Amino acid sequence: MQQFNRRKFLKTLGVAGATSLIGIPAWALRNSGTGHLTILHTNDTHSRIDPYPDNDPNFPGQAGYARRAHLIKKVREDNSNLLLLDAGDIFQGTPYYNLYGGKVELKLMSKMGYDAAAFGNHEFDNGLDGFLDVLPYANFPFLIANYDFSNTILKGKTKEYIIKEKNEKKIGIYGLGIQFEGLVSRAMYGDTVYIDPIEKAREVENILRKRHRCDLIICLSHLGFNYEDDRVSDTVLAEHTMNTDIIIGGHTHSLLDPPAQIQNQAGKTVYIAQAGYGGAYLGRLDVFFDPDHHQKFVESNTTKI
């Protein structure tokens, strides 16, 4: 995805004087031949079913699944070409998880219409048995390409990637997880094998672009945004891949609004988004496709819940 500023993109559409692509009416976009995809995303919601109390020092009165569901419904009413994604650590953080083991979270996310979620390190918190027990309540796949569950009870229960079709565009989505050594007890992950995420990302993005001819490739990552040491992060991933267009991240609880922009190995811009912690924000990316000029442009409109 090449660096392409708003003014230049709007000029190719024949739209003059506009300050925001989001403000362009749908009929204008249709007449211009431009495709539009809205991506709503969350991460590290940590079982925050209810809103924070009004006296919370960080997120007074924010978050909660009901408020999130209402906001998602409103966006869907305006745009049916929508993906709803989560970048992991759905579990752990309130008594809801301690009492119900993730069942509540997955049932409510299914009702909201999530398309996919990444596998975060806290998804291991009740072990592989605990995850498998509540997985039937998820009407969406967990994506993880760099955990090999072949010798565990989760064999065949997750996917490396999925492909969604929206507005005549093929969207490839794959998942990556963080190294669990030092974060997760061996008893919790058992015989799960961790695979280098950069190596796996290159393999999967190549499949999605060349074999499936995806128009847009999204990585759902629970690697973390950036580190001062040599750990693999979203920024490192972006720098060492060639076909991933957008990374929706988690783990470091970063609020990236606007998204970070990193040049990949092909000299194209990768957008990295993350929506903080505890479901206090709903991330939003609007992707616009200009088929005549083979360009894509991304607008961000992350919203406080």
Protein backbone atom coordinates (compact mmCIF):
# COMPACT_ATOMS: atom_id res chain seq x y z
CA MET A 1 0.00 0.00 0.00
CA GLN A 2 1.85 3.07 -1.18
CA GLN A 3 1.91 6.33 0.76
CA PHE A 4 -0.93 8.30 -0.75
CA ASN A 5 -2.19 11.46 0.93
CA ARG A 6 -5.81 12.55 1.20
CA ARG A 7 -5.56 15.44 -1.24
CA LYS A 8 -3.97 13.35 -3.98
CA PHE A 9 -6.45 10.52 -3.50
CA LEU A 10 -9.45 12.84 -3.62
CA LYS A 11 -8.10 14.46 -6.76
CA THR A 12 -8.08 11.08 -8.52
CA LEU A 13 -11.75 10.71 -7.57
CA GLY A 14 -12.64 14.13 -8.94
CA VAL A 15 -13.73 15.32 -5.48
CA ALA A 16 -12.60 18.87 -4.80
CA GLY A 17 -12.39 20.69 -1.50
CA ALA A 18 -13.29 17.73 0.69
CA THR A 19 -11.50 17.47 4.03
CA SER A 20 -12.49 13.93 4.95
CA LEU A 21 -13.25 10.82 2.95
CA ILE A 22 -15.60 9.67 5.69
CA GLY A 23 -17.73 12.74 5.00
CA ILE A 24 -18.24 11.88 1.33
CA PRO A 25 -21.75 10.51 0.76
CA ALA A 26 -22.06 6.90 -0.38
CA TRP A 27 -23.56 7.88 -3.74
CA ALA A 28 -20.49 10.01 -4.53
CA LEU A 29 -18.18 7.10 -3.81
CA ARG A 30 -20.29 4.76 -5.94
CA ASN A 31 -20.29 7.19 -8.84
CA SER A 32 -16.51 7.59 -8.59
CA GLY A 33 -16.01 3.81 -8.87
CA THR A 34 -14.29 3.78 -5.50
CA GLY A 35 -14.66 0.74 -3.24
CA HIS A 36 -15.06 1.35 0.48
CA LEU A 37 -14.45 -1.02 3.40
CA THR A 38 -14.93 -0.16 7.06
CA ILE A 39 -12.90 -2.11 9.62
CA LEU A 40 -13.97 -1.90 13.26
CA HIS A 41 -11.50 -3.38 15.71
CA THR A 42 -10.90 -4.06 19.40
CA ASN A 43 -8.08 -5.59 21.43
CA ASP A 44 -7.23 -6.44 25.02
CA THR A 45 -10.82 -6.03 26.17
CA HIS A 46 -10.04 -8.31 29.13
CA SER A 47 -13.57 -9.40 30.10
CA ARG A 48 -14.76 -5.81 30.57
CA ILE A 49 -18.44 -6.73 30.20
CA ASP A 50 -19.76 -3.76 32.21
CA PRO A 51 -18.67 -0.14 31.82
CA TYR A 52 -15.99 1.26 34.09
CA PRO A 53 -17.40 3.06 37.14
CA ASP A 54 -17.91 6.79 36.85
CA ASN A 55 -15.06 7.41 39.30
CA ASP A 56 -12.50 5.33 37.37
CA PRO A 57 -9.32 7.46 37.01
CA ASN A 58 -8.65 6.37 33.43
CA PHE A 59 -11.95 5.50 31.70
CA PRO A 60 -14.83 6.94 33.78
CA GLY A 61 -18.11 5.52 32.51
CA GLN A 62 -16.48 4.11 29.36
CA ALA A 63 -16.51 0.66 27.76
CA GLY A 64 -18.89 -2.24 28.35
CA TYR A 65 -20.23 -4.71 25.81
CA ALA A 66 -23.69 -3.09 25.56
CA ARG A 67 -22.21 0.31 24.65
CA ARG A 68 -19.88 -1.32 22.13
CA ALA A 69 -22.73 -3.27 20.55
CA HIS A 70 -24.81 -0.11 20.18
CA LEU A 71 -21.98 1.73 18.46
CA ILE A 72 -21.27 -1.18 16.10
CA LYS A 73 -24.96 -1.37 15.19
CA LYS A 74 -25.00 2.33 14.30
CA VAL A 75 -21.97 1.99 12.04
CA ARG A 76 -23.45 -1.06 10.34
CA GLU A 77 -26.64 0.85 9.54
CA ASP A 78 -24.56 3.26 7.44
CA ASN A 79 -22.17 0.74 5.88
CA SER A 80 -22.82 -2.91 5.13
CA ASN A 81 -19.26 -3.38 3.80
CA LEU A 82 -17.84 -3.87 7.26
CA LEU A 83 -15.43 -6.15 9.07
CA LEU A 84 -15.42 -6.50 12.86
CA LEU A 85 -12.14 -7.86 14.24
CA ASP A 86 -10.44 -8.43 17.59
CA ALA A 87 -6.68 -8.68 18.19
CA GLY A 88 -6.73 -10.94 21.24
CA ASP A 89 -6.80 -11.01 25.04
CA ILE A 90 -10.57 -11.21 25.12
CA PHE A 91 -10.29 -13.07 28.43
CA GLN A 92 -9.20 -12.28 32.00
CA GLY A 93 -9.57 -9.10 34.01
CA THR A 94 -12.99 -9.17 35.72
CA PRO A 95 -14.96 -11.74 37.75
CA TYR A 96 -16.99 -12.62 34.65
CA TYR A 97 -14.03 -14.61 33.39
CA ASN A 98 -13.36 -16.21 36.77
CA LEU A 99 -16.99 -17.35 37.02
CA TYR A 100 -17.79 -18.30 33.41
CA GLY A 101 -14.41 -18.94 31.79
CA GLY A 102 -15.01 -16.81 28.68
CA LYS A 103 -18.49 -18.04 27.78
CA VAL A 104 -20.08 -14.61 28.33
CA GLU A 105 -17.49 -12.78 26.25
CA LEU A 106 -17.77 -15.13 23.28
CA LYS A 107 -21.57 -15.25 23.30
CA LEU A 108 -21.81 -11.45 23.31
CA MET A 109 -19.13 -11.02 20.63
CA SER A 110 -21.01 -13.53 18.47
CA LYS A 111 -24.17 -11.45 18.85
CA MET A 112 -22.22 -8.36 17.77
CA GLY A 113 -21.19 -10.19 14.59
CA TYR A 114 -17.42 -10.45 14.96
CA ASP A 115 -15.74 -11.83 11.85
CA ALA A 116 -12.54 -13.08 13.50
CA ALA A 117 -10.27 -12.77 16.53
CA ALA A 118 -6.58 -13.31 17.17
CA PHE A 119 -5.35 -15.73 19.83
CA GLY A 120 -3.93 -13.66 22.72
CA ASN A 121 -1.77 -14.98 25.52
CA HIS A 122 -4.64 -14.68 28.02
CA GLU A 123 -6.69 -17.05 25.90
CA PHE A 124 -4.44 -19.71 27.51
CA ASP A 125 -5.39 -18.71 31.07
CA ASN A 126 -7.66 -21.69 31.70
CA GLY A 127 -5.43 -23.97 29.68
CA LEU A 128 -6.23 -25.63 26.38
CA ASP A 129 -9.11 -27.53 28.02
CA GLY A 130 -10.67 -24.32 29.28
CA PHE A 131 -10.43 -22.63 25.89
CA LEU A 132 -11.91 -25.63 24.11
CA ASP A 133 -14.81 -25.74 26.58
CA VAL A 134 -16.00 -22.23 25.67
CA LEU A 135 -14.99 -22.17 21.99
CA PRO A 136 -18.43 -23.43 20.82
CA TYR A 137 -19.90 -20.11 21.99
CA ALA A 138 -17.84 -18.25 19.36
CA ASN A 139 -19.58 -17.95 16.00
CA PHE A 140 -16.35 -16.60 14.55
CA PRO A 141 -12.89 -18.16 14.00
CA PHE A 142 -9.78 -17.63 16.10
CA LEU A 143 -6.88 -16.93 13.75
CA ILE A 144 -3.34 -18.00 14.64
CA ALA A 145 -0.76 -18.92 12.02
CA ASN A 146 2.34 -19.23 14.22
CA TYR A 147 1.01 -21.56 16.93
CA ASP A 148 1.06 -25.21 15.91
CA PHE A 149 -1.65 -27.05 17.83
CA SER A 150 -1.15 -30.33 15.94
CA ASN A 151 -0.26 -32.31 19.07
CA THR A 152 -2.94 -30.76 21.27
CA ILE A 153 -6.70 -30.89 21.73
CA LEU A 154 -6.96 -27.66 19.73
CA LYS A 155 -5.84 -29.34 16.51
CA GLY A 156 -8.16 -28.15 13.75
CA LYS A 157 -10.00 -25.76 16.07
CA THR A 158 -8.31 -22.56 14.88
CA LYS A 159 -7.43 -21.20 11.43
CA GLU A 160 -4.26 -19.65 10.02
CA TYR A 161 -6.26 -17.27 7.83
CA ILE A 162 -9.66 -16.56 6.34
CA ILE A 163 -10.81 -14.73 3.23
CA LYS A 164 -13.82 -12.42 3.26
CA GLU A 165 -15.42 -10.82 0.22
CA LYS A 166 -16.72 -7.27 0.66
CA ASN A 167 -17.83 -4.94 -2.11
CA GLU A 168 -16.27 -7.22 -4.76
CA LYS A 169 -12.93 -7.11 -2.92
CA LYS A 170 -11.16 -10.14 -1.48
CA ILE A 171 -9.85 -9.46 2.02
CA GLY A 172 -7.30 -11.89 3.46
CA ILE A 173 -6.98 -11.94 7.25
CA TYR A 174 -4.38 -13.92 9.18
CA GLY A 175 -3.38 -14.11 12.84
CA LEU A 176 -0.10 -14.00 14.76
CA GLY A 177 0.54 -14.56 18.45
CA ILE A 178 3.28 -13.58 20.87
CA GLN A 179 5.97 -15.91 22.21
CA PHE A 180 4.33 -17.62 25.20
CA GLU A 181 7.58 -18.55 26.96
CA GLY A 182 7.78 -16.28 30.01
CA LEU A 183 4.14 -15.21 29.64
CA VAL A 184 2.21 -18.48 29.82
CA SER A 185 2.82 -21.48 32.06
CA ARG A 186 3.83 -24.64 30.19
CA ALA A 187 0.92 -26.42 31.83
CA MET A 188 -1.45 -24.00 30.09
CA TYR A 189 -0.13 -24.34 26.53
CA GLY A 190 1.03 -27.98 26.69
CA ASP A 191 2.53 -29.23 23.42
CA THR A 192 1.71 -26.09 21.45
CA VAL A 193 4.68 -25.19 19.22
CA TYR A 194 5.59 -21.54 18.67
CA ILE A 195 6.74 -20.61 15.14
CA ASP A 196 8.72 -17.50 14.22
CA PRO A 197 6.04 -14.89 13.36
CA ILE A 198 7.99 -13.13 10.59
CA GLU A 199 8.74 -16.40 8.83
CA LYS A 200 5.09 -17.44 9.09
CA ALA A 201 3.77 -14.02 8.06
CA ARG A 202 5.83 -14.09 4.86
CA GLU A 203 4.49 -17.55 4.05
CA VAL A 204 0.84 -16.69 4.67
CA GLU A 205 0.80 -13.26 3.04
CA ASN A 206 2.37 -14.81 -0.05
CA ILE A 207 -0.43 -17.39 -0.17
CA LEU A 208 -3.08 -14.72 0.25
CA ARG A 209 -1.68 -12.39 -2.41
CA LYS A 210 -0.47 -14.84 -5.05
CA ARG A 211 -2.68 -17.90 -4.68
CA HIS A 212 -5.91 -16.22 -3.58
CA ARG A 213 -5.26 -12.82 -5.22
CA CYS A 214 -6.49 -10.85 -2.23
CA ASP A 215 -6.99 -7.12 -2.76
CA LEU A 216 -6.21 -6.31 0.88
CA ILE A 217 -4.28 -8.30 3.50
CA ILE A 218 -4.83 -7.72 7.21
CA CYS A 219 -2.79 -9.22 10.03
CA LEU A 220 -4.53 -9.65 13.39
CA SER A 221 -1.52 -9.48 15.67
CA HIS A 222 -1.00 -10.04 19.37
CA LEU A 223 2.73 -9.33 19.14
CA GLY A 224 2.67 -5.83 20.63
CA PHE A 225 3.25 -2.50 18.91
CA ASN A 226 6.94 -1.82 19.61
CA TYR A 227 9.73 -2.65 22.06
CA GLU A 228 13.10 -1.22 23.00
CA ASP A 229 14.69 -4.67 22.82
CA ASP A 230 14.87 -7.16 19.94
CA ARG A 231 11.47 -8.81 20.45
CA VAL A 232 9.34 -9.14 17.34
CA SER A 233 6.68 -6.44 17.31
CA ASP A 234 4.16 -5.04 14.84
CA THR A 235 6.67 -2.45 13.66
CA VAL A 236 9.31 -5.14 13.07
CA LEU A 237 6.73 -7.29 11.30
CA ALA A 238 5.77 -4.41 9.01
CA GLU A 239 9.41 -3.73 8.13
CA HIS A 240 10.10 -7.38 7.24
CA THR A 241 7.05 -8.24 5.13
CA MET A 242 5.96 -7.28 1.60
CA ASN A 243 2.25 -7.92 1.16
CA THR A 244 0.53 -7.14 4.46
CA ASP A 245 -1.36 -3.85 4.14
CA ILE A 246 -2.78 -3.38 7.64
CA ILE A 247 -1.76 -4.72 11.05
CA ILE A 248 -4.43 -4.58 13.75
CA GLY A 249 -2.54 -5.16 16.95
CA GLY A 250 -2.84 -5.85 20.64
CA HIS A 251 -0.90 -6.86 23.77
CA THR A 252 0.84 -3.53 24.50
CA HIS A 253 -2.47 -1.69 25.14
CA SER A 254 -1.39 1.08 22.77
CA LEU A 255 -3.89 3.67 21.52
CA LEU A 256 -2.78 4.40 17.97
CA ASP A 257 -4.97 7.13 16.55
CA PRO A 258 -4.02 7.88 13.85
CA PRO A 259 -2.41 4.54 12.98
CA ALA A 260 1.36 4.28 12.73
CA GLN A 261 2.71 4.10 9.19
CA ILE A 262 5.75 1.91 8.49
CA GLN A 263 7.49 1.24 5.18
CA ASN A 264 7.69 -2.43 4.30
CA GLN A 265 10.33 -4.28 2.26
CA ALA A 266 8.59 -3.30 -0.96
CA GLY A 267 8.63 0.40 -0.03
CA LYS A 268 4.88 0.48 0.59
CA THR A 269 3.10 1.84 3.64
CA VAL A 270 1.77 -0.57 6.26
CA TYR A 271 -0.82 0.88 8.63
CA ILE A 272 -0.62 -0.32 12.25
CA ALA A 273 -3.69 0.23 14.43
CA GLN A 274 -4.46 -0.59 18.05
CA ALA A 275 -7.34 0.53 20.27
CA GLY A 276 -5.95 0.75 23.78
CA TYR A 277 -7.24 -1.38 26.65
CA GLY A 278 -10.41 -2.66 28.25
CA GLY A 279 -12.78 -1.90 25.39
CA ALA A 280 -12.74 1.82 26.18
CA TYR A 281 -12.31 2.59 22.45
CA LEU A 282 -13.62 1.13 19.22
CA GLY A 283 -10.98 1.34 16.52
CA ARG A 284 -12.14 2.28 13.03
CA LEU A 285 -10.31 2.24 9.72
CA ASP A 286 -12.00 3.21 6.46
CA VAL A 287 -10.20 1.79 3.44
CA PHE A 288 -10.91 3.30 0.02
CA PHE A 289 -9.95 1.48 -3.18
CA ASP A 290 -9.39 3.36 -6.42
CA PRO A 291 -9.26 0.62 -9.08
CA ASP A 292 -8.37 2.96 -11.94
CA HIS A 293 -5.17 4.11 -10.22
CA HIS A 294 -4.44 0.92 -8.23
CA GLN A 295 -4.31 2.90 -5.00
CA LYS A 296 -5.68 2.43 -1.51
CA PHE A 297 -6.19 5.11 1.09
CA VAL A 298 -6.88 4.63 4.81
CA GLU A 299 -8.73 7.02 7.11
CA SER A 300 -8.88 6.49 10.88
CA ASN A 301 -11.80 7.43 13.11
CA THR A 302 -11.29 5.63 16.44
CA THR A 303 -14.14 6.36 18.85
CA LYS A 304 -14.38 6.51 22.63
CA ILE A 305 -17.04 4.06 23.86
